[in-house]
Structure formats: structure tokens, C-alpha cells
């Protein structure tokens, strides 16, 4: 099943822009996020996010499979 994924426009202190699902408790406010699309996995969402930002990571809470740092 596809989920809606967003990227945080504001980088974390380490420079990463985090990928979140629409249901995440830590989803940024509307003005601070960009819709990436509907994907069947966080890996596909992170791949798309890399077209927007150089340094990308999955959210520890909603995309743990893609969280690396």
C-alpha cells in the first residue's frame, strides 16, 4: 500500500533533510515541508528526495528502515 511522503525543507543540525510519512508525529508544518509523492516504501521516497536535496535521511520514528544517522 502506498503512503504519502514529505521532505522537511529545514535541515537537521547534521545537514540532513528528513523524509516523513503523512501520519508522522514529527511531520513538519505545511510551510516547512514539500510533498514527494506516493510510494510503496521509504526507500523509494528517499530516492526521490535526493532529487531535491543532497543530504537526506529517513525519519527515525516513521521511516526507521531508511534512517541511517
PDB file of N, CA and C in Angstrom:
ATOM      1  N   UNK A   1       0.842  -1.191   0.000  1.00  0.00           N
ATOM      2  CA  UNK A   1       0.000   0.000   0.000  1.00  0.00           C
ATOM      3  C   UNK A   1       0.883   1.250   0.000  1.00  0.00           C
ATOM      4  N   UNK A   2       0.562   2.182  -0.855  1.00  0.00           N
ATOM      5  CA  UNK A   2       1.330   3.420  -0.952  1.00  0.00           C
ATOM      6  C   UNK A   2       1.004   4.358   0.199  1.00  0.00           C
ATOM      7  N   UNK A   3       2.031   5.109   0.608  1.00  0.00           N
ATOM      8  CA  UNK A   3       1.884   6.151   1.619  1.00  0.00           C
ATOM      9  C   UNK A   3       2.320   7.465   1.002  1.00  0.00           C
ATOM     10  N   UNK A   4       1.821   8.565   1.571  1.00  0.00           N
ATOM     11  CA  UNK A   4       2.260   9.894   1.152  1.00  0.00           C
ATOM     12  C   UNK A   4       3.520  10.249   1.936  1.00  0.00           C
ATOM     13  N   UNK A   5       4.527  10.720   1.213  1.00  0.00           N
ATOM     14  CA  UNK A   5       5.805  11.080   1.831  1.00  0.00           C
ATOM     15  C   UNK A   5       6.118  12.554   1.601  1.00  0.00           C
ATOM     16  N   UNK A   6       6.777  13.134   2.599  1.00  0.00           N
ATOM     17  CA  UNK A   6       7.168  14.543   2.573  1.00  0.00           C
ATOM     18  C   UNK A   6       8.631  14.662   2.975  1.00  0.00           C
ATOM     19  N   UNK A   7       9.265  15.739   2.516  1.00  0.00           N
ATOM     20  CA  UNK A   7      10.631  16.050   2.918  1.00  0.00           C
ATOM     21  C   UNK A   7      10.608  17.349   3.722  1.00  0.00           C
ATOM     22  N   UNK A   8      11.357  17.367   4.795  1.00  0.00           N
ATOM     23  CA  UNK A   8      11.492  18.568   5.622  1.00  0.00           C
ATOM     24  C   UNK A   8      12.398  19.550   4.884  1.00  0.00           C
ATOM     25  N   UNK A   9      11.913  20.758   4.625  1.00  0.00           N
ATOM     26  CA  UNK A   9      12.708  21.774   3.941  1.00  0.00           C
ATOM     27  C   UNK A   9      13.853  22.273   4.812  1.00  0.00           C
ATOM     28  N   UNK A  10      13.698  22.157   6.120  1.00  0.00           N
ATOM     29  CA  UNK A  10      14.729  22.604   7.057  1.00  0.00           C
ATOM     30  C   UNK A  10      15.633  21.428   7.417  1.00  0.00           C
ATOM     31  N   UNK A  11      16.913  21.622   7.248  1.00  0.00           N
ATOM     32  CA  UNK A  11      17.872  20.563   7.549  1.00  0.00           C
ATOM     33  C   UNK A  11      18.032  20.386   9.059  1.00  0.00           C
ATOM     34  N   UNK A  12      18.347  19.170   9.451  1.00  0.00           N
ATOM     35  CA  UNK A  12      18.696  18.853  10.836  1.00  0.00           C
ATOM     36  C   UNK A  12      20.080  19.447  11.117  1.00  0.00           C
ATOM     37  N   UNK A  13      20.489  19.506  12.384  1.00  0.00           N
ATOM     38  CA  UNK A  13      21.824  20.061  12.702  1.00  0.00           C
ATOM     39  C   UNK A  13      22.967  19.388  11.933  1.00  0.00           C
ATOM     40  N   UNK A  14      22.810  18.122  11.568  1.00  0.00           N
ATOM     41  CA  UNK A  14      23.864  17.427  10.821  1.00  0.00           C
ATOM     42  C   UNK A  14      23.768  17.656   9.306  1.00  0.00           C
ATOM     43  N   UNK A  15      22.787  18.433   8.858  1.00  0.00           N
ATOM     44  CA  UNK A  15      22.651  18.759   7.439  1.00  0.00           C
ATOM     45  C   UNK A  15      21.642  17.920   6.679  1.00  0.00           C
ATOM     46  N   UNK A  16      21.113  16.864   7.309  1.00  0.00           N
ATOM     47  CA  UNK A  16      20.140  16.002   6.638  1.00  0.00           C
ATOM     48  C   UNK A  16      18.755  16.635   6.569  1.00  0.00           C
ATOM     49  N   UNK A  17      18.091  16.404   5.446  1.00  0.00           N
ATOM     50  CA  UNK A  17      16.671  16.727   5.301  1.00  0.00           C
ATOM     51  C   UNK A  17      15.932  15.409   5.491  1.00  0.00           C
ATOM     52  N   UNK A  18      15.005  15.371   6.441  1.00  0.00           N
ATOM     53  CA  UNK A  18      14.341  14.117   6.780  1.00  0.00           C
ATOM     54  C   UNK A  18      13.078  13.869   5.965  1.00  0.00           C
ATOM     55  N   UNK A  19      12.904  12.602   5.601  1.00  0.00           N
ATOM     56  CA  UNK A  19      11.714  12.131   4.902  1.00  0.00           C
ATOM     57  C   UNK A  19      10.733  11.621   5.947  1.00  0.00           C
ATOM     58  N   UNK A  20       9.453  12.037   5.819  1.00  0.00           N
ATOM     59  CA  UNK A  20       8.398  11.645   6.754  1.00  0.00           C
ATOM     60  C   UNK A  20       7.174  11.138   5.999  1.00  0.00           C
ATOM     61  N   UNK A  21       6.399  10.290   6.662  1.00  0.00           N
ATOM     62  CA  UNK A  21       5.084   9.913   6.139  1.00  0.00           C
ATOM     63  C   UNK A  21       4.068  10.946   6.613  1.00  0.00           C
ATOM     64  N   UNK A  22       2.907  10.950   5.983  1.00  0.00           N
ATOM     65  CA  UNK A  22       1.874  11.917   6.346  1.00  0.00           C
ATOM     66  C   UNK A  22       1.329  11.709   7.761  1.00  0.00           C
ATOM     67  N   UNK A  23       1.489  10.532   8.332  1.00  0.00           N
ATOM     68  CA  UNK A  23       0.960  10.215   9.659  1.00  0.00           C
ATOM     69  C   UNK A  23       1.980  10.435  10.781  1.00  0.00           C
ATOM     70  N   UNK A  24       3.176  10.873  10.447  1.00  0.00           N
ATOM     71  CA  UNK A  24       4.251  11.013  11.434  1.00  0.00           C
ATOM     72  C   UNK A  24       3.950  12.117  12.451  1.00  0.00           C
ATOM     73  N   UNK A  25       4.238  11.833  13.697  1.00  0.00           N
ATOM     74  CA  UNK A  25       4.079  12.821  14.776  1.00  0.00           C
ATOM     75  C   UNK A  25       5.043  13.985  14.605  1.00  0.00           C
ATOM     76  N   UNK A  26       6.139  13.771  13.863  1.00  0.00           N
ATOM     77  CA  UNK A  26       7.152  14.797  13.684  1.00  0.00           C
ATOM     78  C   UNK A  26       7.118  15.426  12.285  1.00  0.00           C
ATOM     79  N   UNK A  27       6.025  15.233  11.569  1.00  0.00           N
ATOM     80  CA  UNK A  27       5.851  15.851  10.254  1.00  0.00           C
ATOM     81  C   UNK A  27       5.912  17.369  10.410  1.00  0.00           C
ATOM     82  N   UNK A  28       6.767  18.026   9.654  1.00  0.00           N
ATOM     83  CA  UNK A  28       6.882  19.486   9.761  1.00  0.00           C
ATOM     84  C   UNK A  28       5.584  20.193   9.356  1.00  0.00           C
ATOM     85  N   UNK A  29       5.443  21.431   9.812  1.00  0.00           N
ATOM     86  CA  UNK A  29       4.310  22.260   9.409  1.00  0.00           C
ATOM     87  C   UNK A  29       4.293  22.387   7.886  1.00  0.00           C
ATOM     88  N   UNK A  30       3.104  22.686   7.351  1.00  0.00           N
ATOM     89  CA  UNK A  30       2.937  22.756   5.887  1.00  0.00           C
ATOM     90  C   UNK A  30       3.971  23.622   5.188  1.00  0.00           C
ATOM     91  N   UNK A  31       4.278  24.776   5.763  1.00  0.00           N
ATOM     92  CA  UNK A  31       5.214  25.692   5.107  1.00  0.00           C
ATOM     93  C   UNK A  31       6.657  25.186   5.155  1.00  0.00           C
ATOM     94  N   UNK A  32       6.920  24.180   5.978  1.00  0.00           N
ATOM     95  CA  UNK A  32       8.283  23.655   6.119  1.00  0.00           C
ATOM     96  C   UNK A  32       8.472  22.267   5.511  1.00  0.00           C
ATOM     97  N   UNK A  33       7.529  21.839   4.693  1.00  0.00           N
ATOM     98  CA  UNK A  33       7.656  20.525   4.073  1.00  0.00           C
ATOM     99  C   UNK A  33       7.280  20.600   2.595  1.00  0.00           C
ATOM    100  N   UNK A  34       7.762  19.608   1.872  1.00  0.00           N
ATOM    101  CA  UNK A  34       7.473  19.507   0.444  1.00  0.00           C
ATOM    102  C   UNK A  34       6.967  18.086   0.173  1.00  0.00           C
ATOM    103  N   UNK A  35       5.888  17.982  -0.564  1.00  0.00           N
ATOM    104  CA  UNK A  35       5.323  16.677  -0.910  1.00  0.00           C
ATOM    105  C   UNK A  35       6.223  15.990  -1.915  1.00  0.00           C
ATOM    106  N   UNK A  36       6.611  14.761  -1.618  1.00  0.00           N
ATOM    107  CA  UNK A  36       7.459  13.988  -2.521  1.00  0.00           C
ATOM    108  C   UNK A  36       6.650  13.104  -3.452  1.00  0.00           C
ATOM    109  N   UNK A  37       5.526  12.582  -2.956  1.00  0.00           N
ATOM    110  CA  UNK A  37       4.696  11.697  -3.757  1.00  0.00           C
ATOM    111  C   UNK A  37       4.202  10.523  -2.946  1.00  0.00           C
ATOM    112  N   UNK A  38       3.504   9.620  -3.626  1.00  0.00           N
ATOM    113  CA  UNK A  38       3.008   8.382  -3.025  1.00  0.00           C
ATOM    114  C   UNK A  38       3.960   7.260  -3.408  1.00  0.00           C
ATOM    115  N   UNK A  39       4.449   6.544  -2.400  1.00  0.00           N
ATOM    116  CA  UNK A  39       5.426   5.486  -2.639  1.00  0.00           C
ATOM    117  C   UNK A  39       5.075   4.251  -1.832  1.00  0.00           C
ATOM    118  N   UNK A  40       5.545   3.112  -2.317  1.00  0.00           N
ATOM    119  CA  UNK A  40       5.297   1.838  -1.640  1.00  0.00           C
ATOM    120  C   UNK A  40       6.323   1.553  -0.554  1.00  0.00           C
ATOM    121  N   UNK A  41       7.396   2.365  -0.494  1.00  0.00           N
ATOM    122  CA  UNK A  41       8.419   2.169   0.536  1.00  0.00           C
ATOM    123  C   UNK A  41       9.152   3.480   0.795  1.00  0.00           C
ATOM    124  N   UNK A  42       9.767   3.547   1.980  1.00  0.00           N
ATOM    125  CA  UNK A  42      10.548   4.743   2.294  1.00  0.00           C
ATOM    126  C   UNK A  42      11.796   4.823   1.420  1.00  0.00           C
ATOM    127  N   UNK A  43      12.318   3.681   0.979  1.00  0.00           N
ATOM    128  CA  UNK A  43      13.492   3.689   0.109  1.00  0.00           C
ATOM    129  C   UNK A  43      13.213   4.456  -1.182  1.00  0.00           C
ATOM    130  N   UNK A  44      12.028   4.253  -1.734  1.00  0.00           N
ATOM    131  CA  UNK A  44      11.657   4.968  -2.965  1.00  0.00           C
ATOM    132  C   UNK A  44      11.462   6.453  -2.689  1.00  0.00           C
ATOM    133  N   UNK A  45      10.908   6.778  -1.532  1.00  0.00           N
ATOM    134  CA  UNK A  45      10.715   8.181  -1.161  1.00  0.00           C
ATOM    135  C   UNK A  45      12.061   8.875  -0.941  1.00  0.00           C
ATOM    136  N   UNK A  46      12.987   8.194  -0.290  1.00  0.00           N
ATOM    137  CA  UNK A  46      14.320   8.763  -0.062  1.00  0.00           C
ATOM    138  C   UNK A  46      15.036   8.968  -1.397  1.00  0.00           C
ATOM    139  N   UNK A  47      14.887   8.043  -2.306  1.00  0.00           N
ATOM    140  CA  UNK A  47      15.497   8.192  -3.642  1.00  0.00           C
ATOM    141  C   UNK A  47      14.961   9.446  -4.329  1.00  0.00           C
ATOM    142  N   UNK A  48      13.646   9.656  -4.262  1.00  0.00           N
ATOM    143  CA  UNK A  48      13.044  10.866  -4.840  1.00  0.00           C
ATOM    144  C   UNK A  48      13.544  12.111  -4.125  1.00  0.00           C
ATOM    145  N   UNK A  49      13.654  12.049  -2.805  1.00  0.00           N
ATOM    146  CA  UNK A  49      14.106  13.206  -2.016  1.00  0.00           C
ATOM    147  C   UNK A  49      15.511  13.636  -2.418  1.00  0.00           C
ATOM    148  N   UNK A  50      16.331  12.691  -2.852  1.00  0.00           N
ATOM    149  CA  UNK A  50      17.703  13.018  -3.267  1.00  0.00           C
ATOM    150  C   UNK A  50      17.726  13.823  -4.572  1.00  0.00           C
ATOM    151  N   UNK A  51      16.598  13.894  -5.266  1.00  0.00           N
ATOM    152  CA  UNK A  51      16.489  14.783  -6.428  1.00  0.00           C
ATOM    153  C   UNK A  51      16.264  16.225  -6.001  1.00  0.00           C
ATOM    154  N   UNK A  52      15.941  16.429  -4.715  1.00  0.00           N
ATOM    155  CA  UNK A  52      15.639  17.758  -4.187  1.00  0.00           C
ATOM    156  C   UNK A  52      16.748  18.274  -3.265  1.00  0.00           C
ATOM    157  N   UNK A  53      17.358  17.374  -2.503  1.00  0.00           N
ATOM    158  CA  UNK A  53      18.381  17.745  -1.517  1.00  0.00           C
ATOM    159  C   UNK A  53      19.523  16.731  -1.574  1.00  0.00           C
ATOM    160  N   UNK A  54      20.736  17.203  -1.320  1.00  0.00           N
ATOM    161  CA  UNK A  54      21.914  16.338  -1.366  1.00  0.00           C
ATOM    162  C   UNK A  54      21.946  15.362  -0.190  1.00  0.00           C
ATOM    163  N   UNK A  55      21.710  15.877   0.999  1.00  0.00           N
ATOM    164  CA  UNK A  55      21.805  15.065   2.211  1.00  0.00           C
ATOM    165  C   UNK A  55      20.409  14.746   2.734  1.00  0.00           C
ATOM    166  N   UNK A  56      20.030  13.463   2.673  1.00  0.00           N
ATOM    167  CA  UNK A  56      18.666  13.026   3.006  1.00  0.00           C
ATOM    168  C   UNK A  56      18.738  11.817   3.932  1.00  0.00           C
ATOM    169  N   UNK A  57      17.784  11.736   4.856  1.00  0.00           N
ATOM    170  CA  UNK A  57      17.694  10.591   5.752  1.00  0.00           C
ATOM    171  C   UNK A  57      16.223  10.330   6.056  1.00  0.00           C
ATOM    172  N   UNK A  58      15.902   9.104   6.388  1.00  0.00           N
ATOM    173  CA  UNK A  58      14.550   8.766   6.809  1.00  0.00           C
ATOM    174  C   UNK A  58      14.348   9.128   8.271  1.00  0.00           C
ATOM    175  N   UNK A  59      13.161   9.537   8.618  1.00  0.00           N
ATOM    176  CA  UNK A  59      12.815   9.869  10.000  1.00  0.00           C
ATOM    177  C   UNK A  59      12.949   8.620  10.885  1.00  0.00           C
ATOM    178  N   UNK A  60      13.533   8.785  12.057  1.00  0.00           N
ATOM    179  CA  UNK A  60      13.709   7.684  12.997  1.00  0.00           C
ATOM    180  C   UNK A  60      12.373   7.098  13.432  1.00  0.00           C
ATOM    181  N   UNK A  61      11.324   7.906  13.465  1.00  0.00           N
ATOM    182  CA  UNK A  61      10.036   7.480  14.006  1.00  0.00           C
ATOM    183  C   UNK A  61       9.089   6.882  12.972  1.00  0.00           C
ATOM    184  N   UNK A  62       9.086   7.397  11.751  1.00  0.00           N
ATOM    185  CA  UNK A  62       8.129   6.892  10.758  1.00  0.00           C
ATOM    186  C   UNK A  62       8.790   6.168   9.588  1.00  0.00           C
ATOM    187  N   UNK A  63      10.090   6.320   9.425  1.00  0.00           N
ATOM    188  CA  UNK A  63      10.819   5.678   8.317  1.00  0.00           C
ATOM    189  C   UNK A  63      12.079   5.008   8.859  1.00  0.00           C
ATOM    190  N   UNK A  64      11.931   4.267   9.932  1.00  0.00           N
ATOM    191  CA  UNK A  64      13.093   3.672  10.608  1.00  0.00           C
ATOM    192  C   UNK A  64      13.924   2.802   9.674  1.00  0.00           C
ATOM    193  N   UNK A  65      13.296   2.158   8.689  1.00  0.00           N
ATOM    194  CA  UNK A  65      14.042   1.308   7.757  1.00  0.00           C
ATOM    195  C   UNK A  65      15.027   2.128   6.918  1.00  0.00           C
ATOM    196  N   UNK A  66      14.768   3.430   6.788  1.00  0.00           N
ATOM    197  CA  UNK A  66      15.598   4.301   5.972  1.00  0.00           C
ATOM    198  C   UNK A  66      16.426   5.274   6.798  1.00  0.00           C
ATOM    199  N   UNK A  67      16.333   5.165   8.100  1.00  0.00           N
ATOM    200  CA  UNK A  67      17.087   6.061   8.987  1.00  0.00           C
ATOM    201  C   UNK A  67      18.515   5.539   9.126  1.00  0.00           C
ATOM    202  N   UNK A  68      19.491   6.407   8.828  1.00  0.00           N
ATOM    203  CA  UNK A  68      20.882   5.961   8.867  1.00  0.00           C
ATOM    204  C   UNK A  68      21.760   6.740   9.843  1.00  0.00           C
ATOM    205  N   UNK A  69      21.357   7.953  10.225  1.00  0.00           N
ATOM    206  CA  UNK A  69      22.232   8.713  11.122  1.00  0.00           C
ATOM    207  C   UNK A  69      21.503   9.304  12.300  1.00  0.00           C
TER     208      UNK A  69
END
